[in-house]
Structures are given as C-alpha cells and as structure tokens.
Amino acid sequence: EDGLSLWPLFMPRLIQCLLSSDARVLQAAAYGVQQGALLQQAFQPFVQEAAKNLLTAVNRSQKTKNKMEQASGRKRSRSS
C-alpha cells in the first residue's frame, strides 16, 4: 500500500499497454491491471480507461482469431 501514491505515475501507461500489438506486453499489462484491480478503492480512478482498453484488446483479438479461422477454412477448401 505504500506504493499507491505512485499509481498516478505508472498506471495510465500500464493501461495504455493493454492496446499493444505485442502479446507479451499485452499479457503483462493485463496481469498488472488485474493485480491493481484487487485493491478496488485505489483502482477506482483507473477503472473506466482500463475497461475501455481491455474491451478494445478483446475485440481486436477476436477479429484476428476470426480472420485466422477464415484463412484456415479457405486453405482447407482449396486442398480438398
């Protein structure tokens, strides 16, 4: 809890990292946000931006997955 005073310095950047296209950065940021959310009251000022960026990341991931599935389906139909 001693570090809570530093949250305004790094939490916005951590939340911004949820938008990274690098899966390793995204995973680390999501873990950090999840750990921060455990301290509910302290995390409250960051909830809206974190939720928005998480939703963006999930939607982007779903679009990528759908594109990969479509491409895979086209490859299978060509080889048949």
N, C-alpha and C. Protein backbone atom coordinates (compact mmCIF):
# COMPACT_ATOMS: atom_id res chain seq x y z
N GLU A 1 0.81 -1.20 0.00
CA GLU A 1 0.00 0.00 0.00
C GLU A 1 0.86 1.26 0.00
N ASP A 2 2.12 1.15 0.37
CA ASP A 2 2.99 2.33 0.35
C ASP A 2 3.16 2.87 -1.07
N GLY A 3 3.07 1.99 -2.05
CA GLY A 3 3.27 2.40 -3.43
C GLY A 3 2.06 3.03 -4.09
N LEU A 4 0.94 3.07 -3.40
CA LEU A 4 -0.28 3.61 -4.01
C LEU A 4 -0.12 5.06 -4.46
N SER A 5 0.71 5.80 -3.78
CA SER A 5 0.91 7.20 -4.17
C SER A 5 1.59 7.32 -5.54
N LEU A 6 2.23 6.24 -5.99
CA LEU A 6 2.91 6.25 -7.28
C LEU A 6 2.00 5.83 -8.44
N TRP A 7 0.83 5.30 -8.12
CA TRP A 7 -0.06 4.80 -9.17
C TRP A 7 -0.35 5.83 -10.25
N PRO A 8 -0.62 7.08 -9.91
CA PRO A 8 -0.90 8.06 -10.98
C PRO A 8 0.27 8.24 -11.95
N LEU A 9 1.47 7.86 -11.53
CA LEU A 9 2.64 7.98 -12.40
C LEU A 9 2.73 6.84 -13.41
N PHE A 10 2.39 5.62 -13.00
CA PHE A 10 2.60 4.50 -13.91
C PHE A 10 1.32 3.80 -14.37
N MET A 11 0.24 3.91 -13.64
CA MET A 11 -0.97 3.18 -14.02
C MET A 11 -1.52 3.61 -15.39
N PRO A 12 -1.53 4.89 -15.73
CA PRO A 12 -2.00 5.24 -17.09
C PRO A 12 -1.17 4.58 -18.19
N ARG A 13 0.14 4.50 -18.00
CA ARG A 13 0.99 3.85 -19.01
C ARG A 13 0.72 2.36 -19.06
N LEU A 14 0.53 1.75 -17.90
CA LEU A 14 0.22 0.32 -17.85
C LEU A 14 -1.09 0.04 -18.59
N ILE A 15 -2.08 0.88 -18.34
CA ILE A 15 -3.38 0.72 -19.00
C ILE A 15 -3.24 0.95 -20.50
N GLN A 16 -2.41 1.87 -20.91
CA GLN A 16 -2.16 2.11 -22.34
C GLN A 16 -1.53 0.88 -23.00
N CYS A 17 -0.72 0.16 -22.25
CA CYS A 17 -0.06 -1.04 -22.78
C CYS A 17 -1.06 -2.16 -23.10
N LEU A 18 -2.29 -2.04 -22.62
CA LEU A 18 -3.33 -3.01 -22.98
C LEU A 18 -3.65 -2.95 -24.47
N LEU A 19 -3.26 -1.88 -25.12
CA LEU A 19 -3.51 -1.70 -26.54
C LEU A 19 -2.33 -2.14 -27.41
N SER A 20 -1.30 -2.69 -26.79
CA SER A 20 -0.11 -3.11 -27.52
C SER A 20 -0.42 -4.27 -28.46
N SER A 21 0.21 -4.28 -29.62
CA SER A 21 0.07 -5.41 -30.53
C SER A 21 1.04 -6.54 -30.17
N ASP A 22 1.97 -6.27 -29.26
CA ASP A 22 2.90 -7.28 -28.78
C ASP A 22 2.20 -8.09 -27.68
N ALA A 23 1.98 -9.36 -27.93
CA ALA A 23 1.24 -10.21 -27.00
C ALA A 23 1.89 -10.26 -25.62
N ARG A 24 3.22 -10.20 -25.58
CA ARG A 24 3.90 -10.25 -24.27
C ARG A 24 3.63 -8.99 -23.46
N VAL A 25 3.63 -7.85 -24.12
CA VAL A 25 3.33 -6.58 -23.44
C VAL A 25 1.88 -6.57 -22.98
N LEU A 26 0.99 -7.00 -23.86
CA LEU A 26 -0.44 -7.05 -23.52
C LEU A 26 -0.69 -7.96 -22.32
N GLN A 27 -0.06 -9.13 -22.32
CA GLN A 27 -0.26 -10.07 -21.22
C GLN A 27 0.26 -9.48 -19.90
N ALA A 28 1.43 -8.88 -19.93
CA ALA A 28 1.99 -8.28 -18.71
C ALA A 28 1.11 -7.13 -18.22
N ALA A 29 0.61 -6.32 -19.15
CA ALA A 29 -0.25 -5.20 -18.77
C ALA A 29 -1.56 -5.71 -18.18
N ALA A 30 -2.14 -6.73 -18.78
CA ALA A 30 -3.39 -7.29 -18.27
C ALA A 30 -3.19 -7.85 -16.86
N TYR A 31 -2.07 -8.51 -16.64
CA TYR A 31 -1.78 -9.03 -15.31
C TYR A 31 -1.63 -7.88 -14.31
N GLY A 32 -0.91 -6.84 -14.69
CA GLY A 32 -0.73 -5.70 -13.80
C GLY A 32 -2.04 -5.01 -13.47
N VAL A 33 -2.90 -4.86 -14.47
CA VAL A 33 -4.21 -4.24 -14.24
C VAL A 33 -5.04 -5.13 -13.33
N GLN A 34 -4.99 -6.43 -13.56
CA GLN A 34 -5.76 -7.36 -12.71
C GLN A 34 -5.29 -7.28 -11.26
N GLN A 35 -4.00 -7.20 -11.06
CA GLN A 35 -3.47 -7.09 -9.69
C GLN A 35 -3.89 -5.76 -9.06
N GLY A 36 -3.85 -4.70 -9.84
CA GLY A 36 -4.28 -3.40 -9.33
C GLY A 36 -5.75 -3.38 -8.97
N ALA A 37 -6.55 -4.08 -9.76
CA ALA A 37 -8.00 -4.11 -9.52
C ALA A 37 -8.34 -4.79 -8.20
N LEU A 38 -7.43 -5.61 -7.70
CA LEU A 38 -7.67 -6.26 -6.40
C LEU A 38 -7.77 -5.24 -5.28
N LEU A 39 -7.11 -4.10 -5.46
CA LEU A 39 -7.21 -3.00 -4.49
C LEU A 39 -8.29 -2.05 -5.01
N GLN A 40 -9.51 -2.48 -4.86
CA GLN A 40 -10.66 -1.85 -5.51
C GLN A 40 -10.72 -0.33 -5.34
N GLN A 41 -10.63 0.13 -4.13
CA GLN A 41 -10.78 1.57 -3.89
C GLN A 41 -9.65 2.36 -4.56
N ALA A 42 -8.44 1.86 -4.46
CA ALA A 42 -7.30 2.57 -5.05
C ALA A 42 -7.36 2.53 -6.58
N PHE A 43 -7.95 1.48 -7.13
CA PHE A 43 -8.02 1.31 -8.58
C PHE A 43 -9.17 2.09 -9.21
N GLN A 44 -10.09 2.53 -8.40
CA GLN A 44 -11.31 3.20 -8.88
C GLN A 44 -11.05 4.30 -9.92
N PRO A 45 -10.07 5.18 -9.74
CA PRO A 45 -9.86 6.24 -10.74
C PRO A 45 -9.44 5.71 -12.12
N PHE A 46 -9.02 4.46 -12.18
CA PHE A 46 -8.49 3.90 -13.43
C PHE A 46 -9.45 2.92 -14.10
N VAL A 47 -10.57 2.64 -13.46
CA VAL A 47 -11.48 1.59 -13.94
C VAL A 47 -11.99 1.87 -15.35
N GLN A 48 -12.47 3.06 -15.60
CA GLN A 48 -13.10 3.35 -16.89
C GLN A 48 -12.12 3.17 -18.05
N GLU A 49 -10.94 3.74 -17.93
CA GLU A 49 -9.95 3.63 -19.01
C GLU A 49 -9.47 2.19 -19.17
N ALA A 50 -9.27 1.49 -18.05
CA ALA A 50 -8.84 0.09 -18.11
C ALA A 50 -9.89 -0.76 -18.80
N ALA A 51 -11.15 -0.57 -18.45
CA ALA A 51 -12.23 -1.35 -19.06
C ALA A 51 -12.32 -1.07 -20.56
N LYS A 52 -12.19 0.19 -20.94
CA LYS A 52 -12.26 0.57 -22.36
C LYS A 52 -11.13 -0.10 -23.14
N ASN A 53 -9.91 -0.05 -22.60
CA ASN A 53 -8.77 -0.63 -23.30
C ASN A 53 -8.83 -2.16 -23.32
N LEU A 54 -9.32 -2.76 -22.25
CA LEU A 54 -9.49 -4.22 -22.23
C LEU A 54 -10.50 -4.65 -23.29
N LEU A 55 -11.59 -3.93 -23.39
CA LEU A 55 -12.60 -4.26 -24.39
C LEU A 55 -12.03 -4.13 -25.80
N THR A 56 -11.26 -3.09 -26.03
CA THR A 56 -10.61 -2.91 -27.33
C THR A 56 -9.68 -4.07 -27.63
N ALA A 57 -8.89 -4.49 -26.64
CA ALA A 57 -7.96 -5.60 -26.83
C ALA A 57 -8.69 -6.90 -27.12
N VAL A 58 -9.76 -7.16 -26.40
CA VAL A 58 -10.53 -8.39 -26.61
C VAL A 58 -11.17 -8.38 -27.99
N ASN A 59 -11.76 -7.26 -28.38
CA ASN A 59 -12.37 -7.17 -29.71
C ASN A 59 -11.35 -7.35 -30.82
N ARG A 60 -10.17 -6.75 -30.65
CA ARG A 60 -9.11 -6.89 -31.65
C ARG A 60 -8.65 -8.34 -31.74
N SER A 61 -8.52 -8.98 -30.59
CA SER A 61 -8.12 -10.38 -30.55
C SER A 61 -9.15 -11.27 -31.24
N GLN A 62 -10.42 -10.99 -31.01
CA GLN A 62 -11.49 -11.77 -31.63
C GLN A 62 -11.49 -11.59 -33.14
N LYS A 63 -11.27 -10.36 -33.61
CA LYS A 63 -11.21 -10.11 -35.05
C LYS A 63 -10.04 -10.87 -35.68
N THR A 64 -8.90 -10.86 -35.00
CA THR A 64 -7.73 -11.58 -35.50
C THR A 64 -8.01 -13.08 -35.56
N LYS A 65 -8.64 -13.59 -34.53
CA LYS A 65 -8.98 -15.02 -34.48
C LYS A 65 -9.92 -15.37 -35.62
N ASN A 66 -10.93 -14.55 -35.85
CA ASN A 66 -11.88 -14.80 -36.93
C ASN A 66 -11.19 -14.79 -38.29
N LYS A 67 -10.28 -13.84 -38.51
CA LYS A 67 -9.55 -13.78 -39.78
C LYS A 67 -8.71 -15.03 -39.97
N MET A 68 -8.06 -15.48 -38.90
CA MET A 68 -7.23 -16.68 -38.99
C MET A 68 -8.08 -17.91 -39.29
N GLU A 69 -9.25 -18.00 -38.66
CA GLU A 69 -10.15 -19.13 -38.92
C GLU A 69 -10.65 -19.11 -40.35
N GLN A 70 -10.98 -17.93 -40.87
CA GLN A 70 -11.44 -17.82 -42.25
C GLN A 70 -10.33 -18.22 -43.22
N ALA A 71 -9.12 -17.77 -42.96
CA ALA A 71 -7.99 -18.11 -43.83
C ALA A 71 -7.73 -19.61 -43.78
N SER A 72 -7.82 -20.19 -42.61
CA SER A 72 -7.61 -21.62 -42.46
C SER A 72 -8.69 -22.40 -43.21
N GLY A 73 -9.91 -21.93 -43.15
CA GLY A 73 -11.01 -22.58 -43.86
C GLY A 73 -10.83 -22.51 -45.37
N ARG A 74 -10.33 -21.38 -45.86
CA ARG A 74 -10.08 -21.25 -47.30
C ARG A 74 -8.97 -22.19 -47.75
N LYS A 75 -7.94 -22.34 -46.92
CA LYS A 75 -6.85 -23.24 -47.28
C LYS A 75 -7.34 -24.68 -47.34
N ARG A 76 -8.19 -25.07 -46.37
CA ARG A 76 -8.72 -26.43 -46.35
C ARG A 76 -9.60 -26.69 -47.57
N SER A 77 -10.42 -25.72 -47.94
CA SER A 77 -11.33 -25.92 -49.08
C SER A 77 -10.56 -26.00 -50.40
N ARG A 78 -9.44 -25.31 -50.50
CA ARG A 78 -8.61 -25.37 -51.71
C ARG A 78 -7.91 -26.72 -51.84
N SER A 79 -7.52 -27.29 -50.71
CA SER A 79 -6.76 -28.54 -50.75
C SER A 79 -7.68 -29.74 -50.89
N SER A 80 -8.98 -29.54 -50.81
CA SER A 80 -9.93 -30.66 -50.93
C SER A 80 -10.22 -31.00 -52.36
